[in-house]
């Protein structure tokens, strides 16, 4: 259908859950009527335990099922993006962890399949890569291989920026040349994020002044002390969007509740999901079904959860439903500088997902429903 309408008993409109009638034409939302006196639409969504939400946006995801973005080709990435769309993710920034710079550049060039498919495949939008490292702190390496760590000098940073397909770079602000690198990243229109770092509060303040705008997976790969360092900066500096894995694996209920109470809509929920490998190393999935994935030495490497499942877990762990949905939609969209996604509003792309406590039920990308 080029033009159709959806009537939803519960929809996330401007950050609040209300009833709404929505008109869509040629992939664009053309009209939104909140609180209609009578619910109308070609498609009626009336389930009391479901919400029509903007499509989910995952800003940190290393792979899906058997696919690892680091060594995937274009066809593999498209296949992963199809699978993500089936779980309600309509946009993402595929992620790669620390590796030699030349290998990262080669991986970007080998796997980049553009924002949308040129062959008409309905799949999640590829919004550019999140490069997590290798400019990280040795003491907070976690699942990264410290042998690849480097200072973010122009020699090492420029090849990544010159690909034109990097959207986020995670680095440790305390490394040599980091403030200069953050300024260069910001000037290139790329998001500089602090992670895998032992930076002090004062170092994060200086980094924000240089252009830092994000924290990578709060509480993970850093000192967890809420009154110091990165966690304090995340709570106090409103310039920062805070990536957060609210899955009961990386963070438990006390951290989830504190984060949402303290930072609210500055949280961007992410999965840190992976395939069968992370970088060049295999991972093992928890056989008890938690969704956790681990290195051979037992180090937590990520999860196998999709973002709809992380949202559901966040709510179970104490996050308000409306805030959890905003944190997976509008917040990451604004972080990425995209006003055409992340909200149900006139002029936005018709990227939508119908979400229940058990996960995404139906998804539309550009007004086309995703086959499941």
Protein backbone atom coordinates (compact mmCIF):
# COMPACT_ATOMS: atom_id res chain seq x y z
CA UNK A 1 0.00 0.00 0.00
CA UNK A 2 1.43 3.40 -0.95
CA UNK A 3 -1.03 5.13 1.38
CA UNK A 4 -2.74 3.72 4.45
CA UNK A 5 -3.61 4.58 8.02
CA UNK A 6 -3.10 2.97 11.42
CA UNK A 7 -5.33 3.40 14.42
CA UNK A 8 -3.60 2.43 17.66
CA UNK A 9 -5.23 2.18 21.08
CA UNK A 10 -1.78 2.84 22.56
CA UNK A 11 0.98 4.68 20.70
CA UNK A 12 4.13 6.51 21.76
CA UNK A 13 3.54 10.11 20.66
CA UNK A 14 5.94 12.84 21.80
CA UNK A 15 7.25 10.61 24.55
CA UNK A 16 3.85 9.71 25.98
CA UNK A 17 1.61 6.70 25.49
CA UNK A 18 -1.79 7.72 24.12
CA UNK A 19 -4.28 6.61 21.50
CA UNK A 20 -3.60 7.86 17.98
CA UNK A 21 -4.61 7.70 14.34
CA UNK A 22 -1.70 7.91 11.91
CA UNK A 23 -1.73 8.46 8.16
CA UNK A 24 1.14 7.22 5.98
CA UNK A 25 1.83 7.99 2.33
CA UNK A 26 4.76 6.72 0.25
CA UNK A 27 6.77 5.79 3.32
CA UNK A 28 6.27 9.08 5.19
CA UNK A 29 4.02 9.87 8.13
CA UNK A 30 1.72 12.60 6.84
CA UNK A 31 -0.67 13.09 9.75
CA UNK A 32 -0.80 12.20 13.43
CA UNK A 33 -3.99 12.68 15.42
CA UNK A 34 -3.47 11.93 19.14
CA UNK A 35 -6.47 11.07 21.29
CA UNK A 36 -8.99 10.75 18.44
CA UNK A 37 -12.64 10.74 19.47
CA UNK A 38 -13.00 7.54 17.44
CA UNK A 39 -10.16 5.20 16.58
CA UNK A 40 -9.99 4.75 12.79
CA UNK A 41 -7.51 3.26 10.33
CA UNK A 42 -6.97 0.68 7.63
CA UNK A 43 -5.04 -1.20 10.33
CA UNK A 44 -6.47 -1.20 13.86
CA UNK A 45 -4.18 -2.07 16.76
CA UNK A 46 -6.26 -2.53 19.90
CA UNK A 47 -4.33 -4.93 22.13
CA UNK A 48 -4.27 -3.50 25.65
CA UNK A 49 -0.77 -4.78 26.43
CA UNK A 50 0.89 -3.47 23.25
CA UNK A 51 2.24 -0.08 22.12
CA UNK A 52 2.81 1.26 18.61
CA UNK A 53 6.29 2.74 18.86
CA UNK A 54 8.74 4.40 16.50
CA UNK A 55 11.11 1.78 15.13
CA UNK A 56 13.93 0.84 17.47
CA UNK A 57 17.47 2.17 16.95
CA UNK A 58 20.43 0.13 18.27
CA UNK A 59 23.67 2.13 18.52
CA UNK A 60 25.86 -0.74 19.71
CA UNK A 61 25.49 -4.14 18.09
CA UNK A 62 28.37 -6.34 16.99
CA UNK A 63 26.44 -9.00 15.10
CA UNK A 64 23.38 -11.24 14.95
CA UNK A 65 22.91 -15.04 14.98
CA UNK A 66 25.99 -16.39 13.16
CA UNK A 67 27.01 -13.04 11.65
CA UNK A 68 29.89 -10.95 13.02
CA UNK A 69 30.04 -7.45 11.50
CA UNK A 70 33.84 -7.38 11.68
CA UNK A 71 34.32 -10.18 9.15
CA UNK A 72 30.98 -10.01 7.30
CA UNK A 73 30.62 -9.18 3.63
CA UNK A 74 27.85 -7.00 2.22
CA UNK A 75 25.45 -9.92 1.81
CA UNK A 76 26.02 -11.06 5.38
CA UNK A 77 25.36 -7.56 6.71
CA UNK A 78 22.14 -7.29 4.69
CA UNK A 79 21.04 -10.65 6.06
CA UNK A 80 21.73 -9.46 9.63
CA UNK A 81 19.79 -6.26 8.99
CA UNK A 82 16.81 -8.29 7.74
CA UNK A 83 16.88 -10.34 10.94
CA UNK A 84 17.09 -7.19 13.06
CA UNK A 85 14.10 -5.69 11.26
CA UNK A 86 12.07 -8.75 12.22
CA UNK A 87 12.71 -7.89 15.88
CA UNK A 88 11.59 -4.26 15.58
CA UNK A 89 15.01 -2.66 14.95
CA UNK A 90 14.55 -0.28 12.03
CA UNK A 91 17.97 1.42 12.24
CA UNK A 92 21.35 0.59 13.75
CA UNK A 93 25.03 1.43 13.81
CA UNK A 94 26.83 -1.91 13.27
CA UNK A 95 29.74 -2.11 15.69
CA UNK A 96 33.32 -3.34 15.55
CA UNK A 97 35.66 -3.76 18.50
CA UNK A 98 39.41 -3.13 18.76
CA UNK A 99 41.57 -4.39 15.90
CA UNK A 100 44.46 -3.04 13.81
CA UNK A 101 43.39 0.17 12.05
CA UNK A 102 44.00 -1.26 8.59
CA UNK A 103 41.81 -4.25 9.35
CA UNK A 104 39.00 -2.03 10.64
CA UNK A 105 39.12 0.12 7.50
CA UNK A 106 39.15 -2.98 5.30
CA UNK A 107 36.20 -4.42 7.23
CA UNK A 108 34.19 -1.23 6.75
CA UNK A 109 34.90 -1.17 3.03
CA UNK A 110 34.12 -4.87 2.61
CA UNK A 111 30.84 -4.87 4.52
CA UNK A 112 29.22 -1.48 4.01
CA UNK A 113 25.93 -1.97 2.16
CA UNK A 114 24.59 1.57 2.45
CA UNK A 115 21.82 3.01 4.57
CA UNK A 116 19.07 1.23 2.62
CA UNK A 117 19.21 -1.72 0.27
CA UNK A 118 19.75 -0.87 -3.40
CA UNK A 119 17.93 -4.09 -4.34
CA UNK A 120 14.74 -3.27 -2.46
CA UNK A 121 15.29 -5.65 0.45
CA UNK A 122 13.27 -4.55 3.48
CA UNK A 123 15.80 -4.39 6.28
CA UNK A 124 17.01 -2.15 9.08
CA UNK A 125 18.72 1.06 8.04
CA UNK A 126 22.52 1.01 8.29
CA UNK A 127 23.42 4.37 9.85
CA UNK A 128 27.19 3.95 9.75
CA UNK A 129 29.59 2.09 12.00
CA UNK A 130 30.28 2.33 15.72
CA UNK A 131 34.02 1.73 16.15
CA UNK A 132 34.58 0.69 19.77
CA UNK A 133 38.33 1.02 20.13
CA UNK A 134 41.23 0.55 19.70
CA UNK A 135 41.77 3.87 21.56
CA UNK A 136 40.88 2.36 24.95
CA UNK A 137 42.50 2.11 28.40
CA UNK A 138 44.56 -0.98 29.19
CA UNK A 139 43.05 -1.41 32.66
CA UNK A 140 39.49 -1.53 31.28
CA UNK A 141 39.99 -3.77 28.25
CA UNK A 142 37.35 -6.36 29.26
CA UNK A 143 36.56 -8.41 26.10
CA UNK A 144 38.92 -6.32 23.92
CA UNK A 145 42.45 -7.47 23.08
CA UNK A 146 44.82 -4.99 24.68
CA UNK A 147 47.57 -5.73 22.14
CA UNK A 148 45.62 -3.66 19.61
CA UNK A 149 45.27 -0.54 21.80
CA UNK A 150 46.71 2.71 20.45
CA UNK A 151 46.72 6.42 21.14
CA UNK A 152 44.26 8.26 18.85
CA UNK A 153 46.86 10.16 16.86
CA UNK A 154 45.90 11.58 13.45
CA UNK A 155 47.86 8.74 11.86
CA UNK A 156 45.58 6.20 13.49
CA UNK A 157 42.31 8.16 13.58
CA UNK A 158 42.19 9.74 10.11
CA UNK A 159 41.86 6.48 8.11
CA UNK A 160 38.68 5.65 10.04
CA UNK A 161 37.18 9.11 9.54
CA UNK A 162 38.13 9.12 5.87
CA UNK A 163 35.90 6.11 5.16
CA UNK A 164 32.92 8.46 5.52
CA UNK A 165 30.90 5.62 7.08
CA UNK A 166 31.78 5.89 10.76
CA UNK A 167 29.10 7.40 13.01
CA UNK A 168 30.47 6.74 16.52
CA UNK A 169 33.97 6.22 17.89
CA UNK A 170 34.45 5.02 21.47
CA UNK A 171 37.72 6.02 23.10
CA UNK A 172 39.29 6.57 26.52
CA UNK A 173 39.61 10.33 27.11
CA UNK A 174 42.70 9.86 29.32
CA UNK A 175 44.83 8.48 26.47
CA UNK A 176 47.52 10.71 24.95
CA UNK A 177 46.18 12.99 22.18
CA UNK A 178 42.58 12.11 23.13
CA UNK A 179 41.28 15.68 23.44
CA UNK A 180 42.73 16.54 20.04
CA UNK A 181 41.13 13.39 18.64
CA UNK A 182 37.74 14.18 20.18
CA UNK A 183 37.82 17.61 18.53
CA UNK A 184 38.69 16.03 15.17
CA UNK A 185 35.93 13.41 15.55
CA UNK A 186 33.39 16.09 16.42
CA UNK A 187 34.47 18.34 13.54
CA UNK A 188 34.05 15.38 11.16
CA UNK A 189 30.40 15.06 12.21
CA UNK A 190 31.08 11.81 14.08
CA UNK A 191 30.03 11.11 17.69
CA UNK A 192 32.87 10.82 20.20
CA UNK A 193 31.96 8.50 23.08
CA UNK A 194 33.85 7.68 26.28
CA UNK A 195 34.18 4.02 27.17
CA UNK A 196 36.52 1.29 28.43
CA UNK A 197 38.10 4.07 30.42
CA UNK A 198 39.20 5.10 33.88
CA UNK A 199 38.83 8.81 33.15
CA UNK A 200 38.25 11.15 36.08
CA UNK A 201 35.26 13.46 36.28
CA UNK A 202 37.53 16.39 35.39
CA UNK A 203 38.87 14.57 32.33
CA UNK A 204 35.31 13.95 31.11
CA UNK A 205 34.48 17.63 31.64
CA UNK A 206 37.45 18.55 29.44
CA UNK A 207 36.43 15.93 26.89
CA UNK A 208 32.88 17.34 26.71
CA UNK A 209 34.34 20.79 26.09
CA UNK A 210 36.32 19.26 23.20
CA UNK A 211 33.20 17.65 21.69
CA UNK A 212 32.49 14.40 23.56
CA UNK A 213 28.74 13.73 23.52
CA UNK A 214 28.21 10.09 24.58
CA UNK A 215 29.09 7.47 27.17
CA UNK A 216 29.47 3.87 25.95
CA UNK A 217 27.62 1.20 27.99
CA UNK A 218 27.42 2.90 31.37
CA UNK A 219 28.80 0.86 34.32
CA UNK A 220 30.52 -1.63 31.97
CA UNK A 221 34.21 -1.20 31.22
CA UNK A 222 34.63 1.55 33.84
CA UNK A 223 34.70 2.25 37.58
CA UNK A 224 31.11 1.79 38.82
CA UNK A 225 31.40 4.42 41.59
CA UNK A 226 28.43 6.76 41.08
CA UNK A 227 30.15 9.66 42.85
CA UNK A 228 33.27 9.75 40.68
CA UNK A 229 34.66 9.43 37.20
CA UNK A 230 32.53 8.54 34.18
CA UNK A 231 29.43 7.53 36.12
CA UNK A 232 29.33 10.87 37.95
CA UNK A 233 29.86 12.69 34.65
CA UNK A 234 27.05 10.73 33.03
CA UNK A 235 24.68 11.72 35.81
CA UNK A 236 25.66 15.39 36.00
CA UNK A 237 26.61 16.51 32.48
CA UNK A 238 23.44 17.01 30.45
CA UNK A 239 25.44 17.26 27.22
CA UNK A 240 26.00 13.51 27.38
CA UNK A 241 23.79 10.80 25.92
CA UNK A 242 24.31 7.64 27.92
CA UNK A 243 24.49 4.24 26.24
CA UNK A 244 23.12 1.62 28.59
CA UNK A 245 22.58 -2.17 28.50
CA UNK A 246 19.54 -2.83 30.72
CA UNK A 247 19.42 -6.58 30.21
CA UNK A 248 19.88 -8.12 33.66
CA UNK A 249 23.24 -9.45 32.48
CA UNK A 250 25.41 -6.35 32.13
CA UNK A 251 23.30 -4.43 34.67
CA UNK A 252 20.85 -5.48 37.36
CA UNK A 253 17.73 -3.77 38.70
CA UNK A 254 19.48 -1.35 41.07
CA UNK A 255 21.56 0.11 38.24
CA UNK A 256 18.60 0.17 35.84
CA UNK A 257 16.34 2.00 38.29
CA UNK A 258 19.09 4.46 39.27
CA UNK A 259 19.96 5.20 35.65
CA UNK A 260 16.42 5.95 34.56
CA UNK A 261 15.67 7.98 37.69
CA UNK A 262 18.89 9.98 37.31
CA UNK A 263 19.30 10.40 33.54
CA UNK A 264 15.82 9.76 32.18
CA UNK A 265 15.59 10.51 28.47
CA UNK A 266 19.36 10.90 28.09
CA UNK A 267 19.64 7.10 28.18
CA UNK A 268 20.06 5.30 24.85
CA UNK A 269 19.28 1.61 25.32
CA UNK A 270 21.63 -0.68 23.39
CA UNK A 271 22.11 -4.44 23.20
CA UNK A 272 25.87 -4.94 22.76
CA UNK A 273 24.64 -8.02 20.90
CA UNK A 274 26.93 -10.28 18.94
CA UNK A 275 26.99 -13.28 16.68
CA UNK A 276 29.09 -16.39 17.09
CA UNK A 277 32.30 -14.35 17.37
CA UNK A 278 33.43 -11.00 18.73
CA UNK A 279 36.24 -9.52 16.69
CA UNK A 280 38.38 -12.51 15.77
CA UNK A 281 37.56 -14.60 18.85
CA UNK A 282 34.75 -17.15 19.40
CA UNK A 283 32.19 -16.63 22.15
CA UNK A 284 30.04 -19.04 24.13
CA UNK A 285 26.39 -18.40 24.94
CA UNK A 286 25.11 -19.05 28.47
CA UNK A 287 23.45 -22.48 28.28
CA UNK A 288 20.91 -21.45 30.93
CA UNK A 289 19.21 -19.02 28.55
CA UNK A 290 20.12 -15.64 30.09
CA UNK A 291 21.33 -14.36 26.73
CA UNK A 292 24.83 -13.64 28.02
CA UNK A 293 27.81 -14.42 25.77
CA UNK A 294 31.32 -14.99 27.09
CA UNK A 295 34.94 -15.33 26.01
CA UNK A 296 36.64 -18.65 26.62
CA UNK A 297 38.17 -17.22 29.83
CA UNK A 298 34.70 -16.35 31.18
CA UNK A 299 34.84 -12.61 30.42
CA UNK A 300 31.44 -11.19 29.53
CA UNK A 301 31.61 -10.29 25.83
CA UNK A 302 28.04 -9.17 25.10
CA UNK A 303 24.63 -10.70 24.66
CA UNK A 304 22.52 -12.48 22.07
CA UNK A 305 19.42 -10.38 22.86
CA UNK A 306 17.63 -8.18 20.36
CA UNK A 307 16.63 -4.66 21.37
CA UNK A 308 12.95 -5.49 21.84
CA UNK A 309 13.98 -8.09 24.43
CA UNK A 310 16.27 -5.58 26.17
CA UNK A 311 13.40 -3.06 26.36
CA UNK A 312 11.15 -5.73 27.87
CA UNK A 313 13.84 -6.64 30.42
CA UNK A 314 14.44 -2.97 31.25
CA UNK A 315 10.76 -2.57 32.11
CA UNK A 316 10.82 -5.74 34.22
CA UNK A 317 13.89 -4.37 36.04
CA UNK A 318 12.12 -1.11 36.90
CA UNK A 319 12.28 1.26 33.93
CA UNK A 320 9.01 3.07 33.06
CA UNK A 321 7.65 1.73 29.76
CA UNK A 322 7.38 5.14 28.09
CA UNK A 323 10.95 6.06 29.06
CA UNK A 324 12.31 2.69 27.94
CA UNK A 325 10.70 3.13 24.52
CA UNK A 326 11.95 6.72 24.19
CA UNK A 327 15.43 5.48 25.08
CA UNK A 328 15.34 3.05 22.17
CA UNK A 329 13.88 5.52 19.67
CA UNK A 330 13.96 9.30 20.04
CA UNK A 331 17.10 9.50 22.18
CA UNK A 332 19.41 7.60 19.81
CA UNK A 333 17.86 9.38 16.82
CA UNK A 334 18.70 12.76 18.32
CA UNK A 335 22.19 11.57 19.24
CA UNK A 336 22.75 10.63 15.60
CA UNK A 337 21.35 13.95 14.38
CA UNK A 338 18.36 12.33 12.69
CA UNK A 339 15.04 14.19 12.91
CA UNK A 340 13.36 11.87 10.38
CA UNK A 341 13.40 8.75 12.57
CA UNK A 342 12.79 7.93 16.22
CA UNK A 343 9.40 9.63 16.53
CA UNK A 344 5.85 9.23 15.29
CA UNK A 345 5.32 12.69 13.87
CA UNK A 346 4.41 14.41 10.60
CA UNK A 347 7.26 14.29 8.10
CA UNK A 348 9.09 11.38 9.74
CA UNK A 349 9.85 8.13 7.97
CA UNK A 350 7.17 5.51 8.65
CA UNK A 351 9.51 3.28 10.65
CA UNK A 352 7.28 1.71 13.28
CA UNK A 353 7.08 -1.32 15.51
CA UNK A 354 4.22 -2.77 17.50
CA UNK A 355 5.70 -3.78 20.84
CA UNK A 356 4.46 -6.12 23.55
CA UNK A 357 6.04 -7.33 26.77
CA UNK A 358 7.28 -10.39 24.90
CA UNK A 359 8.88 -8.36 22.10
CA UNK A 360 8.07 -6.81 18.75
CA UNK A 361 4.97 -8.17 16.97
CA UNK A 362 4.79 -6.17 13.74
CA UNK A 363 7.26 -3.77 12.12
CA UNK A 364 7.12 -1.31 9.22
CA UNK A 365 10.16 0.27 7.53
CA UNK A 366 9.39 3.15 5.22
CA UNK A 367 5.74 2.17 5.43
CA UNK A 368 6.37 -1.40 4.25
CA UNK A 369 5.58 -4.17 6.70
CA UNK A 370 8.44 -6.51 7.49
CA UNK A 371 7.76 -10.18 6.81
CA UNK A 372 8.38 -12.49 9.77
